[in-house]
Amino acid sequence: MDRFVILSGCSGGGKSTLLETLRLRGYHVVEEPGRRIVTRELESGGSALPWLDLIAFLRRAIDMSLSDRQAAGKRAGIVFFDRGLIDAASALQHITGEPALASYAQEHRYNSHVFLTPPWPEIYVGDHERRHDLSEAIAEYDWLCADYPKLGYELHILPKISVEARADYVLSKLGLL
């Protein structure tokens, strides 16, 4: 859907901060499924966590992403997604070999412009919910850089500039400035 825009890329690269800036500018945003799943699992003592049961975590992320898309369809205007369906399906395919990516990607299109945060070691911080290290984040980034173009998306690697300038960059590429 042309009004569904993905912000993806390297963990710790500033996606959530950029999303918050876009929200403050009046756009609808959808928070990253992975963070929401980790929070819920930690609160409930569940095991669908990337460091305990990565496959269960990714399947949950796919389900949550599908629900997010459905809910976003009820909103008017542009909706920015912090990661989402393609990221989860890409990870599942890379880890298990299941050919999940193509079918999800074909049935559930996003705007052709996809914005990726590159690895940014100077701002990368692990936390209670992000326990993987930068090398794992970069490996994920690399496969996303390969998978999105294969699915017909145009990648825009976000420059390492202020969050306000990044927001302007995204909006400019989308013709919204």
Protein backbone atom coordinates (compact mmCIF):
# COMPACT_ATOMS: atom_id res chain seq x y z
CA MET A 1 0.00 0.00 0.00
CA ASP A 2 1.53 3.30 -1.06
CA ARG A 3 0.75 5.07 2.20
CA PHE A 4 2.49 2.42 4.36
CA VAL A 5 6.16 3.39 4.66
CA ILE A 6 8.83 1.17 6.24
CA LEU A 7 11.71 2.45 8.34
CA SER A 8 14.10 -0.45 8.77
CA GLY A 9 17.81 -1.12 8.95
CA CYS A 10 20.40 -1.72 11.60
CA SER A 11 19.34 -2.07 15.22
CA GLY A 12 20.44 0.92 17.23
CA GLY A 13 20.63 3.11 14.13
CA GLY A 14 18.02 5.65 15.25
CA LYS A 15 14.77 4.26 13.83
CA SER A 16 12.69 4.73 16.96
CA THR A 17 13.94 8.27 17.46
CA LEU A 18 13.12 9.12 13.85
CA LEU A 19 9.68 7.56 14.20
CA GLU A 20 8.98 9.69 17.27
CA THR A 21 9.99 12.81 15.34
CA LEU A 22 7.61 11.88 12.52
CA ARG A 23 4.85 11.26 15.07
CA LEU A 24 5.43 14.70 16.56
CA ARG A 25 5.08 16.13 13.06
CA GLY A 26 1.58 14.65 12.87
CA TYR A 27 2.12 11.35 11.07
CA HIS A 28 0.75 8.01 12.18
CA VAL A 29 3.43 5.60 13.35
CA VAL A 30 3.55 1.92 14.28
CA GLU A 31 6.15 0.88 16.82
CA GLU A 32 8.48 -2.03 16.20
CA PRO A 33 6.78 -5.41 16.75
CA GLY A 34 9.95 -6.94 18.20
CA ARG A 35 10.21 -4.47 21.07
CA ARG A 36 6.53 -4.88 21.92
CA ILE A 37 6.86 -8.68 21.92
CA VAL A 38 9.98 -8.59 24.10
CA THR A 39 8.27 -6.27 26.60
CA ARG A 40 5.20 -8.52 26.83
CA GLU A 41 7.24 -11.72 27.10
CA LEU A 42 9.45 -10.29 29.83
CA GLU A 43 6.41 -9.07 31.79
CA SER A 44 4.61 -12.42 31.50
CA GLY A 45 7.63 -14.71 31.88
CA GLY A 46 7.16 -15.98 28.32
CA SER A 47 9.81 -17.59 26.16
CA ALA A 48 9.13 -16.08 22.69
CA LEU A 49 12.26 -13.99 23.06
CA PRO A 50 15.01 -13.69 20.45
CA TRP A 51 17.63 -15.03 22.88
CA LEU A 52 15.45 -17.98 24.03
CA ASP A 53 13.23 -19.04 21.11
CA LEU A 54 14.01 -16.96 18.03
CA ILE A 55 11.64 -18.89 15.75
CA ALA A 56 8.65 -18.36 18.07
CA PHE A 57 9.64 -14.70 18.39
CA LEU A 58 9.75 -14.24 14.60
CA ARG A 59 6.42 -16.00 14.07
CA ARG A 60 4.89 -13.67 16.67
CA ALA A 61 6.46 -10.69 14.92
CA ILE A 62 4.87 -11.78 11.63
CA ASP A 63 1.45 -12.16 13.29
CA MET A 64 1.76 -8.79 15.03
CA SER A 65 2.89 -7.13 11.78
CA LEU A 66 -0.15 -8.47 9.96
CA SER A 67 -2.41 -7.10 12.73
CA ASP A 68 -0.56 -3.77 12.61
CA ARG A 69 -1.16 -3.50 8.86
CA GLN A 70 -4.85 -4.24 9.30
CA ALA A 71 -5.19 -1.61 12.04
CA ALA A 72 -3.19 0.93 10.01
CA GLY A 73 -5.60 0.47 7.12
CA LYS A 74 -8.24 2.25 9.22
CA ARG A 75 -6.09 5.37 9.55
CA ALA A 76 -6.06 8.13 6.98
CA GLY A 77 -2.85 9.29 5.37
CA ILE A 78 0.74 8.11 5.57
CA VAL A 79 1.63 5.51 8.21
CA PHE A 80 5.27 4.91 9.14
CA PHE A 81 6.23 1.43 10.37
CA ASP A 82 9.27 0.76 12.55
CA ARG A 83 10.26 -2.51 10.90
CA GLY A 84 7.42 -4.93 10.33
CA LEU A 85 6.34 -7.84 8.20
CA ILE A 86 9.15 -7.88 5.64
CA ASP A 87 11.85 -7.71 8.34
CA ALA A 88 10.33 -10.59 10.32
CA ALA A 89 9.74 -12.75 7.23
CA SER A 90 13.27 -12.02 6.00
CA ALA A 91 14.78 -13.07 9.33
CA LEU A 92 12.65 -16.23 9.46
CA GLN A 93 13.73 -17.20 5.96
CA HIS A 94 17.42 -16.54 6.63
CA ILE A 95 17.38 -18.50 9.88
CA THR A 96 15.16 -21.46 8.95
CA GLY A 97 15.33 -21.58 5.16
CA GLU A 98 11.51 -21.39 5.02
CA PRO A 99 10.47 -19.55 1.85
CA ALA A 100 8.18 -17.21 3.82
CA LEU A 101 9.46 -13.93 2.46
CA ALA A 102 8.18 -13.94 -1.13
CA SER A 103 4.60 -14.88 -0.28
CA TYR A 104 4.22 -12.30 2.50
CA ALA A 105 5.96 -9.64 0.43
CA GLN A 106 3.72 -10.21 -2.56
CA GLU A 107 0.45 -10.20 -0.62
CA HIS A 108 1.28 -7.28 1.65
CA ARG A 109 3.02 -4.48 -0.24
CA TYR A 110 4.34 -1.28 1.30
CA ASN A 111 5.38 2.00 -0.30
CA SER A 112 8.13 1.33 -2.83
CA HIS A 113 10.50 3.64 -0.91
CA VAL A 114 12.10 1.88 2.07
CA PHE A 115 14.33 3.82 4.44
CA LEU A 116 17.20 2.00 6.15
CA THR A 117 19.28 3.19 9.07
CA PRO A 118 22.88 2.09 8.50
CA PRO A 119 25.10 0.68 11.22
CA TRP A 120 26.05 3.57 13.48
CA PRO A 121 28.43 2.29 16.16
CA GLU A 122 28.67 5.71 17.82
CA ILE A 123 25.00 5.62 18.87
CA TYR A 124 24.43 1.84 19.17
CA VAL A 125 23.40 0.85 22.68
CA GLY A 126 22.22 -2.51 23.92
CA ASP A 127 19.53 -2.56 26.57
CA HIS A 128 17.17 -4.88 28.45
CA GLU A 129 15.19 -5.51 25.25
CA ARG A 130 18.06 -5.34 22.74
CA ARG A 131 20.55 -7.93 23.91
CA HIS A 132 22.29 -8.72 20.63
CA ASP A 133 25.59 -7.08 19.82
CA LEU A 134 26.42 -4.76 16.96
CA SER A 135 27.88 -7.56 14.79
CA GLU A 136 24.53 -9.39 14.87
CA ALA A 137 22.73 -6.14 14.07
CA ILE A 138 25.01 -5.59 11.08
CA ALA A 139 24.39 -9.14 9.78
CA GLU A 140 20.64 -8.47 9.88
CA TYR A 141 21.17 -5.13 8.14
CA ASP A 142 23.14 -6.85 5.37
CA TRP A 143 20.40 -9.34 4.58
CA LEU A 144 17.75 -6.60 4.62
CA CYS A 145 19.87 -4.61 2.14
CA ALA A 146 19.81 -7.66 -0.12
CA ASP A 147 16.18 -8.73 0.39
CA TYR A 148 14.28 -5.46 -0.04
CA PRO A 149 15.59 -4.75 -3.58
CA LYS A 150 14.86 -8.37 -4.61
CA LEU A 151 11.25 -7.67 -3.65
CA GLY A 152 11.08 -4.56 -5.83
CA TYR A 153 11.66 -1.90 -3.17
CA GLU A 154 13.88 1.14 -3.64
CA LEU A 155 16.27 1.52 -0.73
CA HIS A 156 17.25 4.85 0.75
CA ILE A 157 20.10 4.60 3.24
CA LEU A 158 19.53 7.33 5.80
CA PRO A 159 22.48 9.66 6.23
CA LYS A 160 24.07 9.99 9.67
CA ILE A 161 22.66 13.43 10.38
CA SER A 162 20.40 14.95 13.03
CA VAL A 163 17.01 13.37 13.56
CA GLU A 164 15.23 16.50 12.28
CA ALA A 165 17.31 16.42 9.09
CA ARG A 166 16.60 12.69 8.72
CA ALA A 167 12.86 13.35 9.01
CA ASP A 168 13.15 16.04 6.33
CA TYR A 169 15.10 13.59 4.13
CA VAL A 170 12.38 10.93 4.43
CA LEU A 171 9.55 13.35 3.79
CA SER A 172 11.39 14.89 0.85
CA LYS A 173 11.95 11.48 -0.80
CA LEU A 174 8.23 10.79 -0.39
CA GLY A 175 7.31 14.17 -1.88
CA LEU A 176 5.76 15.36 1.37
CA LEU A 177 7.89 18.47 1.98
